Amino acid sequence: DFNDTACAEEIRMFYDCVAKAEKVRKDQNKESSREL
C-alpha cells in the first residue's frame, strides 16, 4: 500500500542503480568531449 518503510531495500537498490548509471554516463561524456 505504497509504504516506503516496508520497501526500503528495493528503494535503496533502485537509487544505487540510478547513481551507477549516472556515473557511467558522465564518464562517457568526459571521454567523448574531445570529439566533435
PDB file of all heavy atoms in Angstrom:
ATOM      1  N   ASP A   1       0.816  -1.213   0.000  1.00  0.00           N
ATOM      2  CA  ASP A   1       0.000   0.000   0.000  1.00  0.00           C
ATOM      3  C   ASP A   1       0.857   1.274   0.000  1.00  0.00           C
ATOM      4  O   ASP A   1       0.608   2.209   0.774  1.00  0.00           O
ATOM      5  CB  ASP A   1      -0.966   0.015   1.190  1.00  0.00           C
ATOM      6  CG  ASP A   1      -1.996  -1.089   1.079  1.00  0.00           C
ATOM      7  OD1 ASP A   1      -2.390  -1.402  -0.071  1.00  0.00           O
ATOM      8  OD2 ASP A   1      -2.394  -1.654   2.115  1.00  0.00           O
ATOM      9  N   PHE A   2       1.905   1.279  -0.837  1.00  0.00           N
ATOM     10  CA  PHE A   2       2.783   2.440  -1.043  1.00  0.00           C
ATOM     11  C   PHE A   2       3.433   2.921   0.258  1.00  0.00           C
ATOM     12  O   PHE A   2       3.555   4.108   0.521  1.00  0.00           O
ATOM     13  CB  PHE A   2       2.033   3.582  -1.741  1.00  0.00           C
ATOM     14  CG  PHE A   2       1.537   3.174  -3.099  1.00  0.00           C
ATOM     15  CD1 PHE A   2       0.221   2.744  -3.270  1.00  0.00           C
ATOM     16  CD2 PHE A   2       2.379   3.188  -4.191  1.00  0.00           C
ATOM     17  CE1 PHE A   2      -0.230   2.349  -4.515  1.00  0.00           C
ATOM     18  CE2 PHE A   2       1.932   2.799  -5.434  1.00  0.00           C
ATOM     19  CZ  PHE A   2       0.627   2.371  -5.594  1.00  0.00           C
ATOM     20  N   ASN A   3       3.872   1.973   1.045  1.00  0.00           N
ATOM     21  CA  ASN A   3       4.568   2.256   2.297  1.00  0.00           C
ATOM     22  C   ASN A   3       6.071   2.201   2.038  1.00  0.00           C
ATOM     23  O   ASN A   3       6.603   1.148   1.667  1.00  0.00           O
ATOM     24  CB  ASN A   3       4.151   1.240   3.367  1.00  0.00           C
ATOM     25  CG  ASN A   3       4.701   1.592   4.721  1.00  0.00           C
ATOM     26  OD1 ASN A   3       5.379   2.601   4.889  1.00  0.00           O
ATOM     27  ND2 ASN A   3       4.395   0.746   5.697  1.00  0.00           N
ATOM     28  N   ASP A   4       6.775   3.331   2.256  1.00  0.00           N
ATOM     29  CA  ASP A   4       8.215   3.387   1.971  1.00  0.00           C
ATOM     30  C   ASP A   4       9.037   2.564   2.949  1.00  0.00           C
ATOM     31  O   ASP A   4      10.085   2.027   2.581  1.00  0.00           O
ATOM     32  CB  ASP A   4       8.708   4.838   2.005  1.00  0.00           C
ATOM     33  CG  ASP A   4       8.285   5.603   0.768  1.00  0.00           C
ATOM     34  OD1 ASP A   4       7.906   4.952  -0.218  1.00  0.00           O
ATOM     35  OD2 ASP A   4       8.360   6.852   0.779  1.00  0.00           O
ATOM     36  N   THR A   5       8.601   2.458   4.186  1.00  0.00           N
ATOM     37  CA  THR A   5       9.413   1.737   5.180  1.00  0.00           C
ATOM     38  C   THR A   5       9.457   0.240   4.885  1.00  0.00           C
ATOM     39  O   THR A   5      10.484  -0.399   5.121  1.00  0.00           O
ATOM     40  CB  THR A   5       8.844   1.970   6.596  1.00  0.00           C
ATOM     41  OG1 THR A   5       7.472   1.575   6.623  1.00  0.00           O
ATOM     42  CG2 THR A   5       8.978   3.439   6.996  1.00  0.00           C
ATOM     43  N   ALA A   6       8.403  -0.308   4.348  1.00  0.00           N
ATOM     44  CA  ALA A   6       8.388  -1.736   4.035  1.00  0.00           C
ATOM     45  C   ALA A   6       9.230  -2.048   2.796  1.00  0.00           C
ATOM     46  O   ALA A   6       9.726  -3.162   2.648  1.00  0.00           O
ATOM     47  CB  ALA A   6       6.956  -2.220   3.833  1.00  0.00           C
ATOM     48  N   CYS A   7       9.412  -1.065   1.937  1.00  0.00           N
ATOM     49  CA  CYS A   7      10.153  -1.274   0.679  1.00  0.00           C
ATOM     50  C   CYS A   7      11.494  -0.537   0.673  1.00  0.00           C
ATOM     51  O   CYS A   7      11.991  -0.153  -0.387  1.00  0.00           O
ATOM     52  CB  CYS A   7       9.309  -0.806  -0.490  1.00  0.00           C
ATOM     53  SG  CYS A   7       7.737  -1.656  -0.633  1.00  0.00           S
ATOM     54  N   ALA A   8      12.083  -0.344   1.819  1.00  0.00           N
ATOM     55  CA  ALA A   8      13.328   0.428   1.920  1.00  0.00           C
ATOM     56  C   ALA A   8      14.468  -0.223   1.134  1.00  0.00           C
ATOM     57  O   ALA A   8      15.267   0.471   0.486  1.00  0.00           O
ATOM     58  CB  ALA A   8      13.717   0.607   3.380  1.00  0.00           C
ATOM     59  N   GLU A   9      14.552  -1.550   1.187  1.00  0.00           N
ATOM     60  CA  GLU A   9      15.638  -2.247   0.477  1.00  0.00           C
ATOM     61  C   GLU A   9      15.504  -2.084  -1.045  1.00  0.00           C
ATOM     62  O   GLU A   9      16.489  -1.831  -1.736  1.00  0.00           O
ATOM     63  CB  GLU A   9      15.619  -3.731   0.860  1.00  0.00           C
ATOM     64  CG  GLU A   9      16.713  -4.545   0.218  1.00  0.00           C
ATOM     65  CD  GLU A   9      18.114  -4.142   0.686  1.00  0.00           C
ATOM     66  OE1 GLU A   9      18.261  -3.585   1.793  1.00  0.00           O
ATOM     67  OE2 GLU A   9      19.058  -4.382  -0.082  1.00  0.00           O
ATOM     68  N   GLU A  10      14.307  -2.210  -1.569  1.00  0.00           N
ATOM     69  CA  GLU A  10      14.092  -2.050  -3.007  1.00  0.00           C
ATOM     70  C   GLU A  10      14.355  -0.612  -3.457  1.00  0.00           C
ATOM     71  O   GLU A  10      14.927  -0.386  -4.527  1.00  0.00           O
ATOM     72  CB  GLU A  10      12.662  -2.463  -3.387  1.00  0.00           C
ATOM     73  CG  GLU A  10      12.416  -3.947  -3.367  1.00  0.00           C
ATOM     74  CD  GLU A  10      12.142  -4.493  -1.972  1.00  0.00           C
ATOM     75  OE1 GLU A  10      12.131  -3.697  -1.013  1.00  0.00           O
ATOM     76  OE2 GLU A  10      11.959  -5.707  -1.846  1.00  0.00           O
ATOM     77  N   ILE A  11      13.952   0.348  -2.636  1.00  0.00           N
ATOM     78  CA  ILE A  11      14.202   1.750  -2.974  1.00  0.00           C
ATOM     79  C   ILE A  11      15.701   2.029  -2.994  1.00  0.00           C
ATOM     80  O   ILE A  11      16.218   2.694  -3.892  1.00  0.00           O
ATOM     81  CB  ILE A  11      13.474   2.673  -1.969  1.00  0.00           C
ATOM     82  CG1 ILE A  11      11.963   2.533  -2.133  1.00  0.00           C
ATOM     83  CG2 ILE A  11      13.893   4.115  -2.162  1.00  0.00           C
ATOM     84  CD1 ILE A  11      11.157   3.222  -1.054  1.00  0.00           C
ATOM     85  N   ARG A  12      16.430   1.474  -2.007  1.00  0.00           N
ATOM     86  CA  ARG A  12      17.878   1.675  -1.966  1.00  0.00           C
ATOM     87  C   ARG A  12      18.548   1.049  -3.191  1.00  0.00           C
ATOM     88  O   ARG A  12      19.443   1.651  -3.796  1.00  0.00           O
ATOM     89  CB  ARG A  12      18.455   1.078  -0.675  1.00  0.00           C
ATOM     90  CG  ARG A  12      19.950   1.391  -0.484  1.00  0.00           C
ATOM     91  CD  ARG A  12      20.567   0.585   0.655  1.00  0.00           C
ATOM     92  NE  ARG A  12      20.416  -0.854   0.479  1.00  0.00           N
ATOM     93  CZ  ARG A  12      21.144  -1.596  -0.382  1.00  0.00           C
ATOM     94  NH1 ARG A  12      22.032  -1.024  -1.168  1.00  0.00           N
ATOM     95  NH2 ARG A  12      20.951  -2.896  -0.474  1.00  0.00           N
ATOM     96  N   MET A  13      18.098  -0.151  -3.578  1.00  0.00           N
ATOM     97  CA  MET A  13      18.676  -0.802  -4.762  1.00  0.00           C
ATOM     98  C   MET A  13      18.421   0.025  -6.018  1.00  0.00           C
ATOM     99  O   MET A  13      19.307   0.164  -6.872  1.00  0.00           O
ATOM    100  CB  MET A  13      18.089  -2.217  -4.936  1.00  0.00           C
ATOM    101  CG  MET A  13      18.595  -3.214  -3.921  1.00  0.00           C
ATOM    102  SD  MET A  13      17.779  -4.821  -4.007  1.00  0.00           S
ATOM    103  CE  MET A  13      17.877  -5.201  -5.719  1.00  0.00           C
ATOM    104  N   PHE A  14      17.232   0.606  -6.128  1.00  0.00           N
ATOM    105  CA  PHE A  14      16.909   1.447  -7.287  1.00  0.00           C
ATOM    106  C   PHE A  14      17.790   2.697  -7.322  1.00  0.00           C
ATOM    107  O   PHE A  14      18.353   3.045  -8.356  1.00  0.00           O
ATOM    108  CB  PHE A  14      15.429   1.826  -7.264  1.00  0.00           C
ATOM    109  CG  PHE A  14      15.048   2.789  -8.349  1.00  0.00           C
ATOM    110  CD1 PHE A  14      15.061   2.404  -9.679  1.00  0.00           C
ATOM    111  CD2 PHE A  14      14.685   4.093  -8.052  1.00  0.00           C
ATOM    112  CE1 PHE A  14      14.724   3.288 -10.685  1.00  0.00           C
ATOM    113  CE2 PHE A  14      14.339   4.989  -9.048  1.00  0.00           C
ATOM    114  CZ  PHE A  14      14.360   4.583 -10.372  1.00  0.00           C
ATOM    115  N   TYR A  15      17.928   3.372  -6.201  1.00  0.00           N
ATOM    116  CA  TYR A  15      18.767   4.577  -6.166  1.00  0.00           C
ATOM    117  C   TYR A  15      20.234   4.254  -6.428  1.00  0.00           C
ATOM    118  O   TYR A  15      20.948   5.038  -7.067  1.00  0.00           O
ATOM    119  CB  TYR A  15      18.601   5.311  -4.836  1.00  0.00           C
ATOM    120  CG  TYR A  15      17.354   6.144  -4.762  1.00  0.00           C
ATOM    121  CD1 TYR A  15      16.518   6.069  -3.660  1.00  0.00           C
ATOM    122  CD2 TYR A  15      16.997   6.997  -5.791  1.00  0.00           C
ATOM    123  CE1 TYR A  15      15.357   6.818  -3.577  1.00  0.00           C
ATOM    124  CE2 TYR A  15      15.847   7.751  -5.725  1.00  0.00           C
ATOM    125  CZ  TYR A  15      15.032   7.663  -4.623  1.00  0.00           C
ATOM    126  OH  TYR A  15      13.895   8.413  -4.561  1.00  0.00           O
ATOM    127  N   ASP A  16      20.727   3.116  -5.942  1.00  0.00           N
ATOM    128  CA  ASP A  16      22.103   2.711  -6.238  1.00  0.00           C
ATOM    129  C   ASP A  16      22.300   2.490  -7.725  1.00  0.00           C
ATOM    130  O   ASP A  16      23.313   2.886  -8.302  1.00  0.00           O
ATOM    131  CB  ASP A  16      22.463   1.437  -5.466  1.00  0.00           C
ATOM    132  CG  ASP A  16      22.622   1.677  -3.972  1.00  0.00           C
ATOM    133  OD1 ASP A  16      22.718   2.864  -3.568  1.00  0.00           O
ATOM    134  OD2 ASP A  16      22.634   0.679  -3.216  1.00  0.00           O
ATOM    135  N   CYS A  17      21.319   1.847  -8.356  1.00  0.00           N
ATOM    136  CA  CYS A  17      21.408   1.600  -9.801  1.00  0.00           C
ATOM    137  C   CYS A  17      21.413   2.910 -10.583  1.00  0.00           C
ATOM    138  O   CYS A  17      22.173   3.078 -11.529  1.00  0.00           O
ATOM    139  CB  CYS A  17      20.253   0.710 -10.247  1.00  0.00           C
ATOM    140  SG  CYS A  17      20.257   0.344 -12.004  1.00  0.00           S
ATOM    141  N   VAL A  18      20.552   3.851 -10.171  1.00  0.00           N
ATOM    142  CA  VAL A  18      20.491   5.145 -10.856  1.00  0.00           C
ATOM    143  C   VAL A  18      21.813   5.895 -10.706  1.00  0.00           C
ATOM    144  O   VAL A  18      22.326   6.483 -11.669  1.00  0.00           O
ATOM    145  CB  VAL A  18      19.302   5.979 -10.319  1.00  0.00           C
ATOM    146  CG1 VAL A  18      19.379   7.413 -10.809  1.00  0.00           C
ATOM    147  CG2 VAL A  18      18.000   5.351 -10.745  1.00  0.00           C
ATOM    148  N   ALA A  19      22.396   5.871  -9.520  1.00  0.00           N
ATOM    149  CA  ALA A  19      23.671   6.561  -9.292  1.00  0.00           C
ATOM    150  C   ALA A  19      24.777   5.940 -10.131  1.00  0.00           C
ATOM    151  O   ALA A  19      25.618   6.653 -10.708  1.00  0.00           O
ATOM    152  CB  ALA A  19      24.030   6.499  -7.806  1.00  0.00           C
ATOM    153  N   LYS A  20      24.768   4.610 -10.224  1.00  0.00           N
ATOM    154  CA  LYS A  20      25.783   3.924 -11.024  1.00  0.00           C
ATOM    155  C   LYS A  20      25.635   4.277 -12.512  1.00  0.00           C
ATOM    156  O   LYS A  20      26.620   4.528 -13.215  1.00  0.00           O
ATOM    157  CB  LYS A  20      25.654   2.415 -10.831  1.00  0.00           C
ATOM    158  CG  LYS A  20      26.882   1.632 -11.210  1.00  0.00           C
ATOM    159  CD  LYS A  20      26.673   0.142 -10.982  1.00  0.00           C
ATOM    160  CE  LYS A  20      26.404  -0.154  -9.520  1.00  0.00           C
ATOM    161  NZ  LYS A  20      26.211  -1.581  -9.246  1.00  0.00           N
ATOM    162  N   ALA A  21      24.399   4.335 -12.992  1.00  0.00           N
ATOM    163  CA  ALA A  21      24.151   4.673 -14.396  1.00  0.00           C
ATOM    164  C   ALA A  21      24.556   6.114 -14.692  1.00  0.00           C
ATOM    165  O   ALA A  21      25.113   6.410 -15.757  1.00  0.00           O
ATOM    166  CB  ALA A  21      22.688   4.451 -14.743  1.00  0.00           C
ATOM    167  N   GLU A  22      24.294   7.039 -13.757  1.00  0.00           N
ATOM    168  CA  GLU A  22      24.703   8.436 -13.931  1.00  0.00           C
ATOM    169  C   GLU A  22      26.217   8.554 -13.995  1.00  0.00           C
ATOM    170  O   GLU A  22      26.758   9.320 -14.791  1.00  0.00           O
ATOM    171  CB  GLU A  22      24.162   9.297 -12.780  1.00  0.00           C
ATOM    172  CG  GLU A  22      22.716   9.665 -12.937  1.00  0.00           C
ATOM    173  CD  GLU A  22      22.499  10.631 -14.078  1.00  0.00           C
ATOM    174  OE1 GLU A  22      23.272  11.601 -14.209  1.00  0.00           O
ATOM    175  OE2 GLU A  22      21.554  10.403 -14.843  1.00  0.00           O
ATOM    176  N   LYS A  23      26.911   7.801 -13.166  1.00  0.00           N
ATOM    177  CA  LYS A  23      28.376   7.850 -13.167  1.00  0.00           C
ATOM    178  C   LYS A  23      28.929   7.351 -14.504  1.00  0.00           C
ATOM    179  O   LYS A  23      29.831   7.949 -15.073  1.00  0.00           O
ATOM    180  CB  LYS A  23      28.921   7.010 -12.013  1.00  0.00           C
ATOM    181  CG  LYS A  23      30.411   7.086 -11.884  1.00  0.00           C
ATOM    182  CD  LYS A  23      30.915   6.275 -10.714  1.00  0.00           C
ATOM    183  CE  LYS A  23      32.424   6.361 -10.654  1.00  0.00           C
ATOM    184  NZ  LYS A  23      32.994   5.456  -9.658  1.00  0.00           N
ATOM    185  N   VAL A  24      28.359   6.264 -15.012  1.00  0.00           N
ATOM    186  CA  VAL A  24      28.797   5.725 -16.302  1.00  0.00           C
ATOM    187  C   VAL A  24      28.542   6.734 -17.419  1.00  0.00           C
ATOM    188  O   VAL A  24      29.381   6.965 -18.285  1.00  0.00           O
ATOM    189  CB  VAL A  24      28.096   4.380 -16.586  1.00  0.00           C
ATOM    190  CG1 VAL A  24      28.292   3.952 -18.023  1.00  0.00           C
ATOM    191  CG2 VAL A  24      28.597   3.315 -15.632  1.00  0.00           C
ATOM    192  N   ARG A  25      27.378   7.390 -17.384  1.00  0.00           N
ATOM    193  CA  ARG A  25      27.041   8.374 -18.416  1.00  0.00           C
ATOM    194  C   ARG A  25      27.982   9.572 -18.373  1.00  0.00           C
ATOM    195  O   ARG A  25      28.443  10.053 -19.399  1.00  0.00           O
ATOM    196  CB  ARG A  25      25.599   8.831 -18.248  1.00  0.00           C
ATOM    197  CG  ARG A  25      25.103   9.712 -19.373  1.00  0.00           C
ATOM    198  CD  ARG A  25      23.684  10.172 -19.147  1.00  0.00           C
ATOM    199  NE  ARG A  25      23.520  10.952 -17.936  1.00  0.00           N
ATOM    200  CZ  ARG A  25      23.791  12.261 -17.844  1.00  0.00           C
ATOM    201  NH1 ARG A  25      24.230  12.912 -18.881  1.00  0.00           N
ATOM    202  NH2 ARG A  25      23.614  12.895 -16.701  1.00  0.00           N
ATOM    203  N   LYS A  26      28.317  10.041 -17.171  1.00  0.00           N
ATOM    204  CA  LYS A  26      29.242  11.169 -17.051  1.00  0.00           C
ATOM    205  C   LYS A  26      30.635  10.796 -17.535  1.00  0.00           C
ATOM    206  O   LYS A  26      31.320  11.606 -18.157  1.00  0.00           O
ATOM    207  CB  LYS A  26      29.291  11.666 -15.610  1.00  0.00           C
ATOM    208  CG  LYS A  26      28.075  12.460 -15.221  1.00  0.00           C
ATOM    209  CD  LYS A  26      28.194  12.986 -13.812  1.00  0.00           C
ATOM    210  CE  LYS A  26      26.941  13.766 -13.430  1.00  0.00           C
ATOM    211  NZ  LYS A  26      27.009  14.264 -12.045  1.00  0.00           N
ATOM    212  N   ASP A  27      31.078   9.563 -17.234  1.00  0.00           N
ATOM    213  CA  ASP A  27      32.388   9.117 -17.705  1.00  0.00           C
ATOM    214  C   ASP A  27      32.423   9.049 -19.229  1.00  0.00           C
ATOM    215  O   ASP A  27      33.423   9.408 -19.852  1.00  0.00           O
ATOM    216  CB  ASP A  27      32.739   7.756 -17.105  1.00  0.00           C
ATOM    217  CG  ASP A  27      33.039   7.850 -15.614  1.00  0.00           C
ATOM    218  OD1 ASP A  27      33.294   8.976 -15.131  1.00  0.00           O
ATOM    219  OD2 ASP A  27      33.012   6.794 -14.938  1.00  0.00           O
ATOM    220  N   GLN A  28      31.336   8.590 -19.829  1.00  0.00           N
ATOM    221  CA  GLN A  28      31.283   8.534 -21.292  1.00  0.00           C
ATOM    222  C   GLN A  28      31.296   9.927 -21.890  1.00  0.00           C
ATOM    223  O   GLN A  28      31.914  10.155 -22.930  1.00  0.00           O
ATOM    224  CB  GLN A  28      30.040   7.784 -21.750  1.00  0.00           C
ATOM    225  CG  GLN A  28      30.127   6.304 -21.560  1.00  0.00           C
ATOM    226  CD  GLN A  28      28.845   5.595 -21.970  1.00  0.00           C
ATOM    227  OE1 GLN A  28      27.818   6.229 -22.204  1.00  0.00           O
ATOM    228  NE2 GLN A  28      28.898   4.276 -22.049  1.00  0.00           N
ATOM    229  N   ASN A  29      30.632  10.889 -21.244  1.00  0.00           N
ATOM    230  CA  ASN A  29      30.632  12.262 -21.744  1.00  0.00           C
ATOM    231  C   ASN A  29      32.015  12.880 -21.643  1.00  0.00           C
ATOM    232  O   ASN A  29      32.428  13.638 -22.517  1.00  0.00           O
ATOM    233  CB  ASN A  29      29.617  13.121 -20.979  1.00  0.00           C
ATOM    234  CG  ASN A  29      28.201  12.835 -21.406  1.00  0.00           C
ATOM    235  OD1 ASN A  29      27.958  12.233 -22.445  1.00  0.00           O
ATOM    236  ND2 ASN A  29      27.257  13.274 -20.604  1.00  0.00           N
ATOM    237  N   LYS A  30      32.760  12.569 -20.602  1.00  0.00           N
ATOM    238  CA  LYS A  30      34.114  13.103 -20.461  1.00  0.00           C
ATOM    239  C   LYS A  30      35.022  12.540 -21.539  1.00  0.00           C
ATOM    240  O   LYS A  30      35.860  13.239 -22.081  1.00  0.00           O
ATOM    241  CB  LYS A  30      34.679  12.780 -19.079  1.00  0.00           C
ATOM    242  CG  LYS A  30      34.102  13.633 -17.978  1.00  0.00           C
ATOM    243  CD  LYS A  30      34.706  13.265 -16.639  1.00  0.00           C
ATOM    244  CE  LYS A  30      34.073  14.076 -15.526  1.00  0.00           C
ATOM    245  NZ  LYS A  30      34.591  13.687 -14.209  1.00  0.00           N
ATOM    246  N   GLU A  31      34.875  11.256 -21.841  1.00  0.00           N
ATOM    247  CA  GLU A  31      35.707  10.628 -22.865  1.00  0.00           C
ATOM    248  C   GLU A  31      35.396  11.166 -24.256  1.00  0.00           C
ATOM    249  O   GLU A  31      36.289  11.376 -25.059  1.00  0.00           O
ATOM    250  CB  GLU A  31      35.506   9.115 -22.844  1.00  0.00           C
ATOM    251  CG  GLU A  31      36.070   8.437 -21.619  1.00  0.00           C
ATOM    252  CD  GLU A  31      35.733   6.965 -21.576  1.00  0.00           C
ATOM    253  OE1 GLU A  31      35.128   6.466 -22.543  1.00  0.00           O
ATOM    254  OE2 GLU A  31      36.072   6.326 -20.570  1.00  0.00           O
ATOM    255  N   SER A  32      34.120  11.400 -24.541  1.00  0.00           N
ATOM    256  CA  SER A  32      33.741  11.834 -25.883  1.00  0.00           C
ATOM    257  C   SER A  32      33.719  13.350 -26.017  1.00  0.00           C
ATOM    258  O   SER A  32      33.379  13.862 -27.067  1.00  0.00           O
ATOM    259  CB  SER A  32      32.374  11.264 -26.259  1.00  0.00           C
ATOM    260  OG  SER A  32      31.392  11.840 -25.429  1.00  0.00           O
ATOM    261  N   SER A  33      34.077  14.084 -24.955  1.00  0.00           N
ATOM    262  CA  SER A  33      34.043  15.546 -25.050  1.00  0.00           C
ATOM    263  C   SER A  33      35.144  16.073 -25.963  1.00  0.00           C
ATOM    264  O   SER A  33      35.054  17.184 -26.476  1.00  0.00           O
ATOM    265  CB  SER A  33      34.157  16.166 -23.658  1.00  0.00           C
ATOM    266  OG  SER A  33      35.430  15.880 -23.121  1.00  0.00           O
ATOM    267  N   ARG A  34      36.188  15.293 -26.167  1.00  0.00           N
ATOM    268  CA  ARG A  34      37.268  15.734 -27.053  1.00  0.00           C
ATOM    269  C   ARG A  34      36.866  15.644 -28.521  1.00  0.00           C
ATOM    270  O   ARG A  34      37.415  16.330 -29.358  1.00  0.00           O
ATOM    271  CB  ARG A  34      38.505  14.884 -26.806  1.00  0.00           C
ATOM    272  CG  ARG A  34      39.064  15.092 -25.419  1.00  0.00           C
ATOM    273  CD  ARG A  34      40.297  14.271 -25.188  1.00  0.00           C
ATOM    274  NE  ARG A  34      40.675  14.353 -23.786  1.00  0.00           N
ATOM    275  CZ  ARG A  34      41.101  13.338 -23.073  1.00  0.00           C
ATOM    276  NH1 ARG A  34      41.232  12.154 -23.625  1.00  0.00           N
ATOM    277  NH2 ARG A  34      41.415  13.490 -21.809  1.00  0.00           N
ATOM    278  N   GLU A  35      35.939  14.787 -28.821  1.00  0.00           N
ATOM    279  CA  GLU A  35      35.487  14.609 -30.200  1.00  0.00           C
ATOM    280  C   GLU A  35      34.408  15.633 -30.531  1.00  0.00           C
ATOM    281  O   GLU A  35      33.766  16.178 -29.670  1.00  0.00           O
ATOM    282  CB  GLU A  35      34.887  13.216 -30.386  1.00  0.00           C
ATOM    283  CG  GLU A  35      35.774  12.090 -29.972  1.00  0.00           C
ATOM    284  CD  GLU A  35      35.033  10.763 -30.012  1.00  0.00           C
ATOM    285  OE1 GLU A  35      33.821  10.766 -30.275  1.00  0.00           O
ATOM    286  OE2 GLU A  35      35.677   9.751 -29.783  1.00  0.00           O
ATOM    287  N   LEU A  36      34.224  15.864 -31.825  1.00  0.00           N
ATOM    288  CA  LEU A  36      33.089  16.670 -32.269  1.00  0.00           C
ATOM    289  C   LEU A  36      31.948  15.698 -32.519  1.00  0.00           C
ATOM    290  O   LEU A  36      31.814  15.147 -33.601  1.00  0.00           O
ATOM    291  CB  LEU A  36      33.440  17.432 -33.547  1.00  0.00           C
ATOM    292  CG  LEU A  36      34.489  18.510 -33.411  1.00  0.00           C
ATOM    293  CD1 LEU A  36      34.808  19.085 -34.772  1.00  0.00           C
ATOM    294  CD2 LEU A  36      34.017  19.596 -32.480  1.00  0.00           C
TER     295      LEU A  36
END
